[in-house]
Amino acid sequence: CLCYPEDCCKGFWDFIVSLALVSTGALTPYAIAFQDNSSGVEAFDYSLDCLFFIDILVIFNCAYYN
């Protein structure tokens, strides 16, 4: 199962991961500054961690042009 860079699914996946990176960049400093450890924030953080782990697996199965 090889994913090519010009595939529309790959573009959509990159967009989702970009949104996750932006939200991580915005929410992590907020959580550190205000020590917000509510269960909703922790659940969202763990779901982003799972998304980034899945992204690693997707990237390992993607082709690149040399």
C-alpha atoms as a PDB file:
ATOM      1  CA  CYS A   1       0.000   0.000   0.000  1.00  0.00           C
ATOM      2  CA  LEU A   2       2.087   2.887  -1.326  1.00  0.00           C
ATOM      3  CA  CYS A   3       0.833   6.466  -1.238  1.00  0.00           C
ATOM      4  CA  TYR A   4       2.030   8.890  -3.917  1.00  0.00           C
ATOM      5  CA  PRO A   5       2.668  12.606  -3.247  1.00  0.00           C
ATOM      6  CA  GLU A   6       0.155  13.810  -5.852  1.00  0.00           C
ATOM      7  CA  ASP A   7      -2.665  11.646  -4.486  1.00  0.00           C
ATOM      8  CA  CYS A   8      -5.678  13.631  -3.237  1.00  0.00           C
ATOM      9  CA  CYS A   9      -5.873  11.558  -0.051  1.00  0.00           C
ATOM     10  CA  LYS A  10      -2.269  12.472   0.745  1.00  0.00           C
ATOM     11  CA  GLY A  11      -3.064  16.153   0.283  1.00  0.00           C
ATOM     12  CA  PHE A  12      -6.061  15.879   2.601  1.00  0.00           C
ATOM     13  CA  TRP A  13      -3.963  14.022   5.188  1.00  0.00           C
ATOM     14  CA  ASP A  14      -1.273  16.726   5.041  1.00  0.00           C
ATOM     15  CA  PHE A  15      -3.972  19.364   5.590  1.00  0.00           C
ATOM     16  CA  ILE A  16      -5.319  17.528   8.661  1.00  0.00           C
ATOM     17  CA  VAL A  17      -1.824  17.151  10.130  1.00  0.00           C
ATOM     18  CA  SER A  18      -1.141  20.847   9.455  1.00  0.00           C
ATOM     19  CA  LEU A  19      -4.269  21.778  11.407  1.00  0.00           C
ATOM     20  CA  ALA A  20      -3.139  19.494  14.219  1.00  0.00           C
ATOM     21  CA  LEU A  21       0.275  21.185  14.285  1.00  0.00           C
ATOM     22  CA  VAL A  22      -1.296  24.636  14.447  1.00  0.00           C
ATOM     23  CA  SER A  23      -3.628  23.604  17.259  1.00  0.00           C
ATOM     24  CA  THR A  24      -0.735  22.003  19.159  1.00  0.00           C
ATOM     25  CA  GLY A  25       1.313  25.163  18.729  1.00  0.00           C
ATOM     26  CA  ALA A  26      -1.534  27.251  20.129  1.00  0.00           C
ATOM     27  CA  LEU A  27      -2.815  24.995  22.908  1.00  0.00           C
ATOM     28  CA  THR A  28       0.445  23.741  24.410  1.00  0.00           C
ATOM     29  CA  PRO A  29       1.692  27.173  25.572  1.00  0.00           C
ATOM     30  CA  TYR A  30      -1.791  27.924  26.942  1.00  0.00           C
ATOM     31  CA  ALA A  31      -1.873  24.666  28.900  1.00  0.00           C
ATOM     32  CA  ILE A  32       1.624  25.270  30.265  1.00  0.00           C
ATOM     33  CA  ALA A  33       1.016  28.907  31.193  1.00  0.00           C
ATOM     34  CA  PHE A  34      -2.329  28.399  32.899  1.00  0.00           C
ATOM     35  CA  GLN A  35      -1.747  24.785  34.020  1.00  0.00           C
ATOM     36  CA  ASP A  36      -5.001  23.696  32.460  1.00  0.00           C
ATOM     37  CA  ASN A  37      -5.175  19.955  33.148  1.00  0.00           C
ATOM     38  CA  SER A  38      -8.851  19.381  32.538  1.00  0.00           C
ATOM     39  CA  SER A  39      -9.928  16.041  31.138  1.00  0.00           C
ATOM     40  CA  GLY A  40     -11.071  17.580  27.845  1.00  0.00           C
ATOM     41  CA  VAL A  41      -7.684  19.144  27.191  1.00  0.00           C
ATOM     42  CA  GLU A  42      -5.883  15.927  28.088  1.00  0.00           C
ATOM     43  CA  ALA A  43      -8.153  13.855  25.843  1.00  0.00           C
ATOM     44  CA  PHE A  44      -7.567  16.261  22.954  1.00  0.00           C
ATOM     45  CA  ASP A  45      -3.821  16.137  23.594  1.00  0.00           C
ATOM     46  CA  TYR A  46      -3.799  12.319  23.592  1.00  0.00           C
ATOM     47  CA  SER A  47      -5.848  12.241  20.396  1.00  0.00           C
ATOM     48  CA  LEU A  48      -3.315  14.552  18.737  1.00  0.00           C
ATOM     49  CA  ASP A  49      -0.512  12.270  19.907  1.00  0.00           C
ATOM     50  CA  CYS A  50      -2.299   9.318  18.280  1.00  0.00           C
ATOM     51  CA  LEU A  51      -2.793  11.349  15.102  1.00  0.00           C
ATOM     52  CA  PHE A  52       0.928  12.138  14.958  1.00  0.00           C
ATOM     53  CA  PHE A  53       1.779   8.461  15.485  1.00  0.00           C
ATOM     54  CA  ILE A  54      -0.527   7.518  12.599  1.00  0.00           C
ATOM     55  CA  ASP A  55       1.157  10.236  10.540  1.00  0.00           C
ATOM     56  CA  ILE A  56       4.510   8.535  11.123  1.00  0.00           C
ATOM     57  CA  LEU A  57       3.054   5.300   9.763  1.00  0.00           C
ATOM     58  CA  VAL A  58       1.571   7.105   6.752  1.00  0.00           C
ATOM     59  CA  ILE A  59       4.856   8.858   5.965  1.00  0.00           C
ATOM     60  CA  PHE A  60       6.717   5.533   6.069  1.00  0.00           C
ATOM     61  CA  ASN A  61       4.372   4.261   3.335  1.00  0.00           C
ATOM     62  CA  CYS A  62       4.662   7.281   1.033  1.00  0.00           C
ATOM     63  CA  ALA A  63       6.724   7.453  -2.116  1.00  0.00           C
ATOM     64  CA  TYR A  64       9.029  10.338  -2.941  1.00  0.00           C
ATOM     65  CA  TYR A  65      10.638  11.526  -6.150  1.00  0.00           C
ATOM     66  CA  ASN A  66      14.391  11.492  -6.333  1.00  0.00           C
END
